[in-house]
C-alpha atoms as a PDB file:
ATOM      1  CA  MET A   1      -0.174  -0.394   0.033  1.00  0.00           C
ATOM      2  CA  ASP A   2       1.220   3.465  -0.743  1.00  0.00           C
ATOM      3  CA  ALA A   3       1.380   6.334   1.763  1.00  0.00           C
ATOM      4  CA  ILE A   4       0.597   9.905   1.115  1.00  0.00           C
ATOM      5  CA  ILE A   5       1.958  12.272   3.454  1.00  0.00           C
ATOM      6  CA  THR A   6       0.160  15.971   3.625  1.00  0.00           C
ATOM      7  CA  ALA A   7       2.462  18.488   4.235  1.00  0.00           C
ATOM      8  CA  GLY A   8       1.324  21.191   2.373  1.00  0.00           C
ATOM      9  CA  GLY A   9       0.487  23.770   5.581  1.00  0.00           C
ATOM     10  CA  ILE A  10       2.541  26.838   5.411  1.00  0.00           C
ATOM     11  CA  PRO A  11       1.174  28.398   8.968  1.00  0.00           C
ATOM     12  CA  GLN A  12       0.356  32.512   8.401  1.00  0.00           C
ATOM     13  CA  PRO A  13       0.978  35.560  10.524  1.00  0.00           C
ATOM     14  CA  GLY A  14      -1.609  34.979  13.648  1.00  0.00           C
ATOM     15  CA  ASP A  15      -1.134  31.550  13.219  1.00  0.00           C
ATOM     16  CA  PRO A  16      -0.052  29.940  16.762  1.00  0.00           C
ATOM     17  CA  LEU A  17       3.096  27.840  15.025  1.00  0.00           C
ATOM     18  CA  TYR A  18       3.816  31.098  12.725  1.00  0.00           C
ATOM     19  CA  ALA A  19       6.788  31.943  15.219  1.00  0.00           C
ATOM     20  CA  TYR A  20       8.342  28.518  14.705  1.00  0.00           C
ATOM     21  CA  SER A  21       7.897  28.102  10.675  1.00  0.00           C
ATOM     22  CA  ASN A  22       9.196  31.555   9.749  1.00  0.00           C
ATOM     23  CA  GLY A  23       7.051  31.708   6.785  1.00  0.00           C
ATOM     24  CA  ASP A  24       8.021  27.866   6.086  1.00  0.00           C
ATOM     25  CA  SER A  25       6.404  25.112   5.698  1.00  0.00           C
ATOM     26  CA  LYS A  26       4.950  23.302   8.973  1.00  0.00           C
ATOM     27  CA  ALA A  27       6.503  20.124   8.084  1.00  0.00           C
ATOM     28  CA  LEU A  28       9.949  21.243   8.464  1.00  0.00           C
ATOM     29  CA  ILE A  29       9.411  22.527  11.887  1.00  0.00           C
ATOM     30  CA  ASP A  30      12.508  21.007  13.818  1.00  0.00           C
ATOM     31  CA  VAL A  31      11.763  18.609  16.379  1.00  0.00           C
ATOM     32  CA  ALA A  32      14.443  17.020  18.381  1.00  0.00           C
ATOM     33  CA  GLY A  33      16.809  17.527  15.708  1.00  0.00           C
ATOM     34  CA  LYS A  34      14.917  16.744  12.423  1.00  0.00           C
ATOM     35  CA  PRO A  35      12.174  18.420  10.329  1.00  0.00           C
ATOM     36  CA  MET A  36       8.673  17.199  11.708  1.00  0.00           C
ATOM     37  CA  VAL A  37       7.832  15.523   8.623  1.00  0.00           C
ATOM     38  CA  GLN A  38      11.415  13.703   8.465  1.00  0.00           C
ATOM     39  CA  TRP A  39      10.238  11.015  11.875  1.00  0.00           C
ATOM     40  CA  ILE A  40       7.173  10.631   9.913  1.00  0.00           C
ATOM     41  CA  LEU A  41       9.382   9.349   7.047  1.00  0.00           C
ATOM     42  CA  ASP A  42      11.377   7.500   8.844  1.00  0.00           C
ATOM     43  CA  ALA A  43       8.033   5.471  10.313  1.00  0.00           C
ATOM     44  CA  LEU A  44       6.550   5.015   7.020  1.00  0.00           C
ATOM     45  CA  GLY A  45      10.337   3.848   5.648  1.00  0.00           C
ATOM     46  CA  ASP A  46      10.383   1.315   8.588  1.00  0.00           C
ATOM     47  CA  ALA A  47       6.834  -0.062   7.640  1.00  0.00           C
ATOM     48  CA  LYS A  48       7.282  -3.488   5.989  1.00  0.00           C
ATOM     49  CA  LYS A  49       3.928  -2.952   4.491  1.00  0.00           C
ATOM     50  CA  VAL A  50       4.630   0.142   2.770  1.00  0.00           C
ATOM     51  CA  ASP A  51       5.485   0.196  -0.929  1.00  0.00           C
ATOM     52  CA  ASN A  52       5.510   3.988  -2.177  1.00  0.00           C
ATOM     53  CA  VAL A  53       5.663   7.566  -0.235  1.00  0.00           C
ATOM     54  CA  ILE A  54       4.049  10.468  -1.824  1.00  0.00           C
ATOM     55  CA  LEU A  55       5.365  13.732  -0.028  1.00  0.00           C
ATOM     56  CA  ILE A  56       2.946  16.751  -1.025  1.00  0.00           C
ATOM     57  CA  GLY A  57       3.757  20.227  -0.514  1.00  0.00           C
ATOM     58  CA  LEU A  58       7.319  20.139  -0.391  1.00  0.00           C
ATOM     59  CA  THR A  59      10.547  19.152  -3.129  1.00  0.00           C
ATOM     60  CA  SER A  60      13.300  17.065  -3.374  1.00  0.00           C
ATOM     61  CA  LYS A  61      15.211  20.221  -2.432  1.00  0.00           C
ATOM     62  CA  SER A  62      14.224  20.146   1.408  1.00  0.00           C
ATOM     63  CA  GLY A  63      16.708  17.392   1.585  1.00  0.00           C
ATOM     64  CA  LEU A  64      14.201  15.052   3.018  1.00  0.00           C
ATOM     65  CA  THR A  65      14.758  11.232   2.585  1.00  0.00           C
ATOM     66  CA  CYS A  66      13.006   7.202   2.759  1.00  0.00           C
ATOM     67  CA  LYS A  67      13.902   4.321   2.705  1.00  0.00           C
ATOM     68  CA  LYS A  68      11.184   3.390   0.413  1.00  0.00           C
ATOM     69  CA  PRO A  69      10.834   5.287  -2.647  1.00  0.00           C
ATOM     70  CA  LEU A  70      10.010   8.575  -2.028  1.00  0.00           C
ATOM     71  CA  HIS A  71       8.047  10.394  -4.754  1.00  0.00           C
ATOM     72  CA  PHE A  72       7.587  14.579  -4.347  1.00  0.00           C
ATOM     73  CA  ILE A  73       4.156  16.523  -5.551  1.00  0.00           C
ATOM     74  CA  SER A  74       3.715  19.939  -5.571  1.00  0.00           C
ATOM     75  CA  ASN A  75       1.127  22.131  -3.278  1.00  0.00           C
ATOM     76  CA  GLN A  76      -2.076  22.109  -4.994  1.00  0.00           C
ATOM     77  CA  GLY A  77      -3.599  24.560  -2.809  1.00  0.00           C
ATOM     78  CA  ARG A  78      -6.565  22.419  -0.860  1.00  0.00           C
ATOM     79  CA  MET A  79      -6.485  19.801   1.142  1.00  0.00           C
ATOM     80  CA  LEU A  80      -8.652  17.696  -0.906  1.00  0.00           C
ATOM     81  CA  ALA A  81      -6.904  18.733  -3.912  1.00  0.00           C
ATOM     82  CA  ASN A  82      -3.289  17.598  -2.612  1.00  0.00           C
ATOM     83  CA  ILE A  83      -5.398  14.056  -1.487  1.00  0.00           C
ATOM     84  CA  VAL A  84      -6.438  13.660  -4.616  1.00  0.00           C
ATOM     85  CA  ALA A  85      -2.663  14.184  -6.249  1.00  0.00           C
ATOM     86  CA  GLY A  86      -1.373  12.240  -3.809  1.00  0.00           C
ATOM     87  CA  VAL A  87      -4.059   8.819  -5.197  1.00  0.00           C
ATOM     88  CA  ASN A  88      -3.707   9.845  -8.966  1.00  0.00           C
ATOM     89  CA  LYS A  89       0.014   9.387  -8.291  1.00  0.00           C
ATOM     90  CA  SER A  90      -0.513   6.443  -6.613  1.00  0.00           C
ATOM     91  CA  LEU A  91      -2.505   5.233  -9.389  1.00  0.00           C
ATOM     92  CA  ASP A  92       0.232   6.089 -12.388  1.00  0.00           C
ATOM     93  CA  LEU A  93       2.438   3.929  -9.930  1.00  0.00           C
ATOM     94  CA  ASN A  94       0.184   0.805  -9.894  1.00  0.00           C
ATOM     95  CA  LYS A  95      -3.309   0.910 -11.873  1.00  0.00           C
ATOM     96  CA  LYS A  96      -4.303  -2.000  -9.437  1.00  0.00           C
ATOM     97  CA  THR A  97      -4.545   0.300  -6.806  1.00  0.00           C
ATOM     98  CA  GLU A  98      -7.221   0.155  -4.378  1.00  0.00           C
ATOM     99  CA  TYR A  99      -6.288   1.736  -1.046  1.00  0.00           C
ATOM    100  CA  VAL A 100      -3.747   4.277   0.303  1.00  0.00           C
ATOM    101  CA  LEU A 101      -3.027   5.357   3.589  1.00  0.00           C
ATOM    102  CA  ILE A 102      -3.158   9.329   4.443  1.00  0.00           C
ATOM    103  CA  VAL A 103      -0.903  10.379   6.701  1.00  0.00           C
ATOM    104  CA  SER A 104      -0.655  13.986   8.497  1.00  0.00           C
ATOM    105  CA  ALA A 105       2.948  15.673   8.620  1.00  0.00           C
ATOM    106  CA  ASP A 106       2.437  16.392  12.063  1.00  0.00           C
ATOM    107  CA  ILE A 107       2.290  13.268  14.238  1.00  0.00           C
ATOM    108  CA  PRO A 108       6.127  12.860  14.365  1.00  0.00           C
ATOM    109  CA  ALA A 109       5.746   9.874  17.376  1.00  0.00           C
ATOM    110  CA  LEU A 110       4.712   7.802  14.871  1.00  0.00           C
ATOM    111  CA  LYS A 111       6.279   4.517  14.769  1.00  0.00           C
ATOM    112  CA  GLY A 112       7.013   1.592  11.801  1.00  0.00           C
ATOM    113  CA  GLU A 113       5.008  -1.055  14.174  1.00  0.00           C
ATOM    114  CA  MET A 114       1.907   1.338  13.930  1.00  0.00           C
ATOM    115  CA  VAL A 115       1.629   1.554  10.538  1.00  0.00           C
ATOM    116  CA  ASP A 116       1.989  -1.874  10.079  1.00  0.00           C
ATOM    117  CA  TRP A 117      -0.711  -2.771  12.296  1.00  0.00           C
ATOM    118  CA  LEU A 118      -3.006   0.160  11.106  1.00  0.00           C
ATOM    119  CA  MET A 119      -2.759  -1.198   7.348  1.00  0.00           C
ATOM    120  CA  LYS A 120      -3.409  -4.830   8.407  1.00  0.00           C
ATOM    121  CA  THR A 121      -6.530  -4.101  10.636  1.00  0.00           C
ATOM    122  CA  ALA A 122      -8.006  -2.222   7.921  1.00  0.00           C
ATOM    123  CA  MET A 123      -7.546  -4.878   4.845  1.00  0.00           C
ATOM    124  CA  GLU A 124      -9.224  -7.031   7.892  1.00  0.00           C
ATOM    125  CA  THR A 125     -12.813  -5.753   6.034  1.00  0.00           C
ATOM    126  CA  LYS A 126     -13.209  -4.710   2.876  1.00  0.00           C
ATOM    127  CA  ASP A 127     -14.564  -0.761   3.392  1.00  0.00           C
ATOM    128  CA  ASP A 128     -14.283   2.234   1.709  1.00  0.00           C
ATOM    129  CA  LEU A 129     -13.070   4.435   4.868  1.00  0.00           C
ATOM    130  CA  TYR A 130     -10.868   3.798   7.693  1.00  0.00           C
ATOM    131  CA  TYR A 131     -11.097   6.571  10.608  1.00  0.00           C
ATOM    132  CA  GLY A 132      -9.095   5.922  13.097  1.00  0.00           C
ATOM    133  CA  VAL A 133     -10.013   7.350  16.398  1.00  0.00           C
ATOM    134  CA  CYS A 134      -7.730   7.191  20.201  1.00  0.00           C
ATOM    135  CA  PRO A 135      -9.940   7.151  23.337  1.00  0.00           C
ATOM    136  CA  ARG A 136      -9.589   9.789  25.973  1.00  0.00           C
ATOM    137  CA  ASP A 137      -8.012   7.541  28.506  1.00  0.00           C
ATOM    138  CA  VAL A 138      -5.121   6.249  26.240  1.00  0.00           C
ATOM    139  CA  MET A 139      -4.427   9.594  24.859  1.00  0.00           C
ATOM    140  CA  GLU A 140      -4.000  11.117  28.502  1.00  0.00           C
ATOM    141  CA  ALA A 141      -2.200   8.216  29.639  1.00  0.00           C
ATOM    142  CA  ARG A 142       0.737   8.844  27.222  1.00  0.00           C
ATOM    143  CA  PHE A 143       0.756  12.605  27.020  1.00  0.00           C
ATOM    144  CA  PRO A 144      -0.878  13.921  30.112  1.00  0.00           C
ATOM    145  CA  THR A 145      -0.745  17.830  29.121  1.00  0.00           C
ATOM    146  CA  SER A 146      -1.628  17.609  24.966  1.00  0.00           C
ATOM    147  CA  ASN A 147      -4.822  19.317  25.698  1.00  0.00           C
ATOM    148  CA  ARG A 148      -6.425  17.554  22.737  1.00  0.00           C
ATOM    149  CA  THR A 149      -9.664  17.871  21.888  1.00  0.00           C
ATOM    150  CA  TYR A 150     -12.624  15.681  22.041  1.00  0.00           C
ATOM    151  CA  THR A 151     -15.758  14.164  20.677  1.00  0.00           C
ATOM    152  CA  LYS A 152     -18.198  13.116  23.576  1.00  0.00           C
ATOM    153  CA  LEU A 153     -19.878   9.965  23.092  1.00  0.00           C
ATOM    154  CA  LYS A 154     -22.487   8.130  24.937  1.00  0.00           C
ATOM    155  CA  ASP A 155     -19.726   5.504  25.334  1.00  0.00           C
ATOM    156  CA  MET A 156     -16.691   7.090  25.210  1.00  0.00           C
ATOM    157  CA  GLU A 157     -14.634  10.153  24.744  1.00  0.00           C
ATOM    158  CA  VAL A 158     -12.200  10.252  21.631  1.00  0.00           C
ATOM    159  CA  CYS A 159     -10.443  11.766  19.486  1.00  0.00           C
ATOM    160  CA  GLY A 160      -9.183  12.096  16.179  1.00  0.00           C
ATOM    161  CA  SER A 161      -6.243   9.989  14.617  1.00  0.00           C
ATOM    162  CA  ASP A 162      -3.963  11.892  11.608  1.00  0.00           C
ATOM    163  CA  ILE A 163      -3.248   8.557   9.913  1.00  0.00           C
ATOM    164  CA  ASN A 164      -6.123   6.986   8.014  1.00  0.00           C
ATOM    165  CA  VAL A 165      -7.108   4.439   5.061  1.00  0.00           C
ATOM    166  CA  ILE A 166      -9.120   4.952   2.292  1.00  0.00           C
ATOM    167  CA  HIS A 167     -10.314   3.361  -0.686  1.00  0.00           C
ATOM    168  CA  VAL A 168      -9.435   5.213  -4.074  1.00  0.00           C
ATOM    169  CA  SER A 169     -13.130   5.673  -4.940  1.00  0.00           C
ATOM    170  CA  MET A 170     -13.249   8.309  -1.993  1.00  0.00           C
ATOM    171  CA  THR A 171     -11.238  10.939  -4.459  1.00  0.00           C
ATOM    172  CA  THR A 172     -13.846  10.674  -7.168  1.00  0.00           C
ATOM    173  CA  GLU A 173     -16.977  10.385  -5.301  1.00  0.00           C
ATOM    174  CA  HIS A 174     -18.979  12.853  -2.739  1.00  0.00           C
ATOM    175  CA  LEU A 175     -16.111  15.467  -3.045  1.00  0.00           C
ATOM    176  CA  ASP A 176     -18.099  18.166  -1.944  1.00  0.00           C
ATOM    177  CA  THR A 177     -19.370  16.414   0.851  1.00  0.00           C
ATOM    178  CA  TRP A 178     -15.754  15.478   1.673  1.00  0.00           C
ATOM    179  CA  GLU A 179     -14.437  19.321   1.021  1.00  0.00           C
ATOM    180  CA  GLN A 180     -16.839  20.589   3.930  1.00  0.00           C
ATOM    181  CA  LEU A 181     -15.690  17.589   6.223  1.00  0.00           C
ATOM    182  CA  ILE A 182     -11.893  18.290   5.930  1.00  0.00           C
ATOM    183  CA  GLY A 183     -12.138  21.786   5.792  1.00  0.00           C
ATOM    184  CA  ASN A 184     -14.085  21.686   9.488  1.00  0.00           C
ATOM    185  CA  ARG A 185     -11.708  18.447  10.912  1.00  0.00           C
ATOM    186  CA  LYS A 186     -10.809  20.467  13.978  1.00  0.00           C
ATOM    187  CA  SER A 187     -14.638  20.750  15.116  1.00  0.00           C
ATOM    188  CA  PRO A 188     -16.132  17.346  15.250  1.00  0.00           C
ATOM    189  CA  LEU A 189     -19.438  19.515  15.980  1.00  0.00           C
ATOM    190  CA  ARG A 190     -19.374  21.369  12.781  1.00  0.00           C
ATOM    191  CA  GLN A 191     -18.838  17.981  10.916  1.00  0.00           C
ATOM    192  CA  ALA A 192     -21.562  16.563  12.395  1.00  0.00           C
ATOM    193  CA  ALA A 193     -23.783  20.017  10.946  1.00  0.00           C
ATOM    194  CA  VAL A 194     -22.494  18.833   7.510  1.00  0.00           C
ATOM    195  CA  ILE A 195     -23.923  15.287   7.753  1.00  0.00           C
ATOM    196  CA  GLY A 196     -27.063  16.649   9.347  1.00  0.00           C
ATOM    197  CA  LEU A 197     -28.522  18.934  11.813  1.00  0.00           C
ATOM    198  CA  ASP A 198     -30.216  15.639  13.491  1.00  0.00           C
ATOM    199  CA  THR A 199     -26.895  14.554  13.599  1.00  0.00           C
ATOM    200  CA  LEU A 200     -25.204  17.548  15.197  1.00  0.00           C
ATOM    201  CA  PHE A 201     -28.250  18.188  17.815  1.00  0.00           C
ATOM    202  CA  GLN A 202     -27.785  13.796  18.494  1.00  0.00           C
ATOM    203  CA  LEU A 203     -23.669  14.031  19.081  1.00  0.00           C
ATOM    204  CA  TRP A 204     -24.916  17.494  20.819  1.00  0.00           C
ATOM    205  CA  ARG A 205     -26.878  15.268  23.257  1.00  0.00           C
ATOM    206  CA  LYS A 206     -24.289  12.602  23.498  1.00  0.00           C
ATOM    207  CA  GLN A 207     -26.878  10.594  22.067  1.00  0.00           C
ATOM    208  CA  PHE A 208     -24.610   8.283  19.650  1.00  0.00           C
ATOM    209  CA  THR A 209     -22.188   5.496  20.460  1.00  0.00           C
ATOM    210  CA  LEU A 210     -18.833   5.342  18.608  1.00  0.00           C
ATOM    211  CA  GLN A 211     -20.895   3.067  16.087  1.00  0.00           C
ATOM    212  CA  GLY A 212     -23.955   5.063  15.836  1.00  0.00           C
ATOM    213  CA  LEU A 213     -22.229   7.854  14.416  1.00  0.00           C
ATOM    214  CA  VAL A 214     -19.996   5.591  11.734  1.00  0.00           C
ATOM    215  CA  ASP A 215     -23.489   4.129  10.695  1.00  0.00           C
ATOM    216  CA  ARG A 216     -25.346   7.514  10.340  1.00  0.00           C
ATOM    217  CA  ALA A 217     -22.320   9.178   8.321  1.00  0.00           C
ATOM    218  CA  SER A 218     -21.415   6.276   6.496  1.00  0.00           C
ATOM    219  CA  GLU A 219     -25.408   6.024   5.376  1.00  0.00           C
ATOM    220  CA  ARG A 220     -25.454   9.788   4.894  1.00  0.00           C
ATOM    221  CA  ILE A 221     -22.620  10.202   2.825  1.00  0.00           C
ATOM    222  CA  GLY A 222     -23.066   7.245   0.767  1.00  0.00           C
ATOM    223  CA  ILE A 223     -20.204   4.842   1.989  1.00  0.00           C
ATOM    224  CA  LYS A 224     -19.109   2.260   3.949  1.00  0.00           C
ATOM    225  CA  GLY A 225     -17.180   3.752   6.935  1.00  0.00           C
ATOM    226  CA  ARG A 226     -15.447   1.903   9.894  1.00  0.00           C
ATOM    227  CA  ALA A 227     -13.696   3.326  13.153  1.00  0.00           C
ATOM    228  CA  ILE A 228     -10.498   1.806  14.361  1.00  0.00           C
ATOM    229  CA  ILE A 229      -9.906   2.444  17.606  1.00  0.00           C
ATOM    230  CA  TRP A 230      -6.113   2.725  18.488  1.00  0.00           C
ATOM    231  CA  SER A 231      -4.694   1.476  21.812  1.00  0.00           C
ATOM    232  CA  GLN A 232      -1.597   3.815  21.314  1.00  0.00           C
ATOM    233  CA  ALA A 233      -1.171   7.652  21.507  1.00  0.00           C
ATOM    234  CA  GLU A 234       1.259   8.046  19.367  1.00  0.00           C
ATOM    235  CA  PRO A 235      -0.807   8.067  15.553  1.00  0.00           C
ATOM    236  CA  CYS A 236      -3.446  10.815  17.028  1.00  0.00           C
ATOM    237  CA  MET A 237      -0.784  13.280  18.532  1.00  0.00           C
ATOM    238  CA  ASP A 238      -0.531  15.978  15.806  1.00  0.00           C
ATOM    239  CA  VAL A 239       0.984  19.265  16.647  1.00  0.00           C
ATOM    240  CA  ASP A 240      -1.340  22.492  16.110  1.00  0.00           C
ATOM    241  CA  LYS A 241      -0.223  24.414  19.015  1.00  0.00           C
ATOM    242  CA  PRO A 242       3.193  25.696  20.539  1.00  0.00           C
ATOM    243  CA  HIS A 243       2.654  23.643  24.060  1.00  0.00           C
ATOM    244  CA  GLN A 244       2.440  20.556  21.426  1.00  0.00           C
ATOM    245  CA  LEU A 245       4.981  21.298  19.559  1.00  0.00           C
ATOM    246  CA  GLU A 246       7.281  21.593  22.981  1.00  0.00           C
ATOM    247  CA  LEU A 247       5.792  18.908  24.508  1.00  0.00           C
ATOM    248  CA  MET A 248       6.385  16.474  21.454  1.00  0.00           C
ATOM    249  CA  ARG A 249      10.369  18.067  20.976  1.00  0.00           C
ATOM    250  CA  GLU A 250      10.729  16.779  24.833  1.00  0.00           C
ATOM    251  CA  ASP A 251       9.171  13.592  24.066  1.00  0.00           C
ATOM    252  CA  MET A 252      10.844  12.704  20.997  1.00  0.00           C
ATOM    253  CA  SER A 253      14.524  14.069  22.456  1.00  0.00           C
ATOM    254  CA  HIS A 254      13.526  11.621  25.726  1.00  0.00           C
ATOM    255  CA  GLN A 255      13.104   8.858  23.437  1.00  0.00           C
ATOM    256  CA  GLN A 256      15.861   9.525  21.360  1.00  0.00           C
ATOM    257  CA  HIS A 257      18.590   9.091  24.810  1.00  0.00           C
ATOM    258  CA  LYS A 258      16.890   6.339  26.183  1.00  0.00           C
ATOM    259  CA  ILE A 259      17.846   4.739  22.313  1.00  0.00           C
ATOM    260  CA  ALA A 260      21.099   6.474  22.443  1.00  0.00           C
ATOM    261  CA  SER A 261      21.444   4.452  26.288  1.00  0.00           C
ATOM    262  CA  ALA A 262      20.943   1.233  25.477  1.00  0.00           C
ATOM    263  CA  GLN A 263      22.936   1.342  22.260  1.00  0.00           C
ATOM    264  CA  LYS A 264      26.067   2.508  24.378  1.00  0.00           C
ATOM    265  CA  LYS A 265      25.262  -0.573  26.836  1.00  0.00           C
ATOM    266  CA  VAL A 266      25.257  -3.019  24.061  1.00  0.00           C
ATOM    267  CA  ALA A 267      28.239  -1.603  22.677  1.00  0.00           C
ATOM    268  CA  ALA A 268      29.649  -1.880  26.580  1.00  0.00           C
ATOM    269  CA  LYS A 269      29.482  -5.380  26.280  1.00  0.00           C
ATOM    270  CA  THR A 270      30.096  -5.854  22.910  1.00  0.00           C
ATOM    271  CA  PRO A 271      34.576  -5.949  23.668  1.00  0.00           C
ATOM    272  CA  VAL A 272      34.331  -7.923  26.919  1.00  0.00           C
ATOM    273  CA  LYS A 273      32.510 -10.593  25.120  1.00  0.00           C
ATOM    274  CA  GLN A 274      35.223 -10.103  21.574  1.00  0.00           C
ATOM    275  CA  SER A 275      38.011 -10.646  24.428  1.00  0.00           C
ATOM    276  CA  ALA A 276      36.895 -13.479  26.623  1.00  0.00           C
ATOM    277  CA  LEU A 277      36.174 -15.227  23.236  1.00  0.00           C
ATOM    278  CA  LEU A 278      39.888 -14.114  21.793  1.00  0.00           C
ATOM    279  CA  LYS A 279      41.395 -16.058  25.447  1.00  0.00           C
ATOM    280  CA  LYS A 280      39.284 -18.540  24.868  1.00  0.00           C
ATOM    281  CA  LYS A 281      40.721 -19.285  21.298  1.00  0.00           C
ATOM    282  CA  THR A 282      44.456 -18.348  22.136  1.00  0.00           C
ATOM    283  CA  SER A 283      43.773 -20.880  25.729  1.00  0.00           C
ATOM    284  CA  THR A 284      42.888 -23.392  22.956  1.00  0.00           C
ATOM    285  CA  LYS A 285      45.539 -22.863  20.689  1.00  0.00           C
ATOM    286  CA  ALA A 286      48.129 -23.171  23.523  1.00  0.00           C
ATOM    287  CA  LYS A 287      46.810 -26.393  24.795  1.00  0.00           C
ATOM    288  CA  ALA A 288      46.791 -27.801  20.950  1.00  0.00           C
ATOM    289  CA  LYS A 289      50.712 -26.916  21.044  1.00  0.00           C
ATOM    290  CA  GLN A 290      51.274 -28.827  24.249  1.00  0.00           C
ATOM    291  CA  LYS A 291      49.814 -31.822  23.143  1.00  0.00           C
END
């Protein structure tokens, strides 16, 4: 399956992250020594089930790299147009493409094994859209100061994932509805209003379970949708505000430090083992000569 990274956003004056981007792409803001999007490229590169990576909104001059074949596409101006361009590129690479992965450029804590889990879990059924959600308790256990926005349902409170799977037909049908839903992606209530005022009212009254909301949205839009419930918070921890950026900088630096410390311990043990092995070989040779 190909992965499409949407990295076309450029913070404008007044945007909370403008001071950090200096007029450049949000995806290139530094997080623990790397451009934010490079962490996503690393995760996709480590994922066994990803074939190609299509990066929208940046060019090869950015210096970004990936272990998987990396294709650059210019920013098309709108989120939906960017996704459509990415799907078209995926179809150019393989006419038999059915599903693609849509990944935001601002979830730097993403890991390759999480990507593989999502694709494996999604492909257990044949639906049109697989939308990930993270329960509030999972998010706050991992990132207690994230201050994410939650949708309050009858059976749980959830926030949305920033890595999802869609069937390629999603870019040719219901485009007006998708445009409105994407434009209101930061406001669950506004998205509900797009689906219908009765849906908005029921969501506001917390009358929906997660599955009930999926069923209602699927029926109104005319698709087969499925919710993927994450047991890990990282794919749903996006960077929209300065405190979230600082949170991820600290977290990613801590993770790097842990990895570096583990590598040092392994390196420290290796010479001892090699020395012991060398002594054993030397002793064996000496005994052979004495005989």
